[in-house]
Structure formats: structure tokens, C-alpha cells
Amino acid sequence: MRRMKISLLILLVFILQASNALRGALVRTGRATSKNWEDNEGMYYYMENIGQKPHQVIC
């Protein structure tokens, strides 16, 4: 039982670190607060350009 609690704690820490990293990346790229879905900011835009780096994306 104690081993399971330790494993869950480690998993929780990992998830929190990953979410903070994702949030930081979104803030740095300006995507965190962007609500402009009409200007190629929607889900389909990301699905089509998922393999490209931001400077390679053609708008």
C-alpha cells in the first residue's frame, strides 16, 4: 500500500511538471489566450500543420 502511494505521488509530480511545461510553451507562443478561431487558429489548422515548426507554417 505504501509503495502504491509513493508511485501515485511520483505520477502526480510528473503530470504537474508536464502541464506546467505545456502552459509555458503556450504562453511563449501566444496561443494560451488566443481566441481568434477564424484566422487559422482552430483545431483543423493544427491537425493539418502538426508536423511543421512554427516558422514553416504557411498561413
C-alpha atoms as a PDB file:
ATOM      1  CA  MET A   1       0.000   0.000   0.000  1.00  0.00           C
ATOM      2  CA  ARG A   2       2.808   2.396   0.865  1.00  0.00           C
ATOM      3  CA  ARG A   3       4.567   1.630  -2.410  1.00  0.00           C
ATOM      4  CA  MET A   4       1.402   2.463  -4.336  1.00  0.00           C
ATOM      5  CA  LYS A   5       1.079   5.834  -2.566  1.00  0.00           C
ATOM      6  CA  ILE A   6       4.670   6.686  -3.457  1.00  0.00           C
ATOM      7  CA  SER A   7       4.054   5.709  -7.084  1.00  0.00           C
ATOM      8  CA  LEU A   8       0.936   7.864  -7.241  1.00  0.00           C
ATOM      9  CA  LEU A   9       2.814  10.802  -5.738  1.00  0.00           C
ATOM     10  CA  ILE A  10       5.589  10.461  -8.326  1.00  0.00           C
ATOM     11  CA  LEU A  11       2.990  10.262 -11.099  1.00  0.00           C
ATOM     12  CA  LEU A  12       1.245  13.377  -9.796  1.00  0.00           C
ATOM     13  CA  VAL A  13       4.517  15.321  -9.729  1.00  0.00           C
ATOM     14  CA  PHE A  14       5.295  14.207 -13.290  1.00  0.00           C
ATOM     15  CA  ILE A  15       1.852  15.302 -14.536  1.00  0.00           C
ATOM     16  CA  LEU A  16       2.165  18.694 -12.844  1.00  0.00           C
ATOM     17  CA  GLN A  17       5.592  19.278 -14.383  1.00  0.00           C
ATOM     18  CA  ALA A  18       4.342  18.303 -17.835  1.00  0.00           C
ATOM     19  CA  SER A  19       1.310  20.593 -17.572  1.00  0.00           C
ATOM     20  CA  ASN A  20       3.486  23.498 -16.441  1.00  0.00           C
ATOM     21  CA  ALA A  21       5.833  22.919 -19.381  1.00  0.00           C
ATOM     22  CA  LEU A  22       2.903  22.866 -21.801  1.00  0.00           C
ATOM     23  CA  ARG A  23       1.402  26.006 -20.285  1.00  0.00           C
ATOM     24  CA  GLY A  24       4.756  27.783 -20.554  1.00  0.00           C
ATOM     25  CA  ALA A  25       5.111  26.775 -24.198  1.00  0.00           C
ATOM     26  CA  LEU A  26       1.612  28.031 -24.971  1.00  0.00           C
ATOM     27  CA  VAL A  27       2.290  31.351 -23.273  1.00  0.00           C
ATOM     28  CA  ARG A  28       5.601  31.783 -25.120  1.00  0.00           C
ATOM     29  CA  THR A  29       3.983  31.180 -28.500  1.00  0.00           C
ATOM     30  CA  GLY A  30       0.958  33.360 -27.729  1.00  0.00           C
ATOM     31  CA  ARG A  31      -1.523  30.514 -28.070  1.00  0.00           C
ATOM     32  CA  ALA A  32      -2.688  30.447 -24.450  1.00  0.00           C
ATOM     33  CA  THR A  33      -5.056  33.412 -24.696  1.00  0.00           C
ATOM     34  CA  SER A  34      -5.744  33.394 -28.426  1.00  0.00           C
ATOM     35  CA  LYS A  35      -9.469  33.133 -29.175  1.00  0.00           C
ATOM     36  CA  ASN A  36      -9.195  34.119 -32.826  1.00  0.00           C
ATOM     37  CA  TRP A  37     -10.541  30.888 -34.314  1.00  0.00           C
ATOM     38  CA  GLU A  38     -11.360  32.496 -37.683  1.00  0.00           C
ATOM     39  CA  ASP A  39      -7.733  33.289 -38.535  1.00  0.00           C
ATOM     40  CA  ASN A  40      -6.393  29.738 -38.844  1.00  0.00           C
ATOM     41  CA  GLU A  41      -6.281  29.205 -35.083  1.00  0.00           C
ATOM     42  CA  GLY A  42      -8.721  26.310 -34.980  1.00  0.00           C
ATOM     43  CA  MET A  43      -8.302  22.591 -34.452  1.00  0.00           C
ATOM     44  CA  TYR A  44      -8.209  21.761 -38.174  1.00  0.00           C
ATOM     45  CA  TYR A  45      -5.347  24.206 -38.702  1.00  0.00           C
ATOM     46  CA  TYR A  46      -3.279  22.441 -36.067  1.00  0.00           C
ATOM     47  CA  MET A  47      -4.191  18.998 -37.372  1.00  0.00           C
ATOM     48  CA  GLU A  48      -3.073  19.939 -40.904  1.00  0.00           C
ATOM     49  CA  ASN A  49       0.181  21.552 -39.752  1.00  0.00           C
ATOM     50  CA  ILE A  50       1.004  19.221 -36.876  1.00  0.00           C
ATOM     51  CA  GLY A  51       4.408  18.155 -38.206  1.00  0.00           C
ATOM     52  CA  GLN A  52       5.687  21.609 -39.064  1.00  0.00           C
ATOM     53  CA  LYS A  53       7.675  24.007 -36.934  1.00  0.00           C
ATOM     54  CA  PRO A  54       6.040  27.419 -36.328  1.00  0.00           C
ATOM     55  CA  HIS A  55       8.314  29.220 -38.798  1.00  0.00           C
ATOM     56  CA  GLN A  56       7.439  26.700 -41.536  1.00  0.00           C
ATOM     57  CA  VAL A  57       3.668  27.061 -41.256  1.00  0.00           C
ATOM     58  CA  ILE A  58       2.142  28.802 -44.243  1.00  0.00           C
ATOM     59  CA  CYS A  59      -0.864  30.911 -43.244  1.00  0.00           C
END
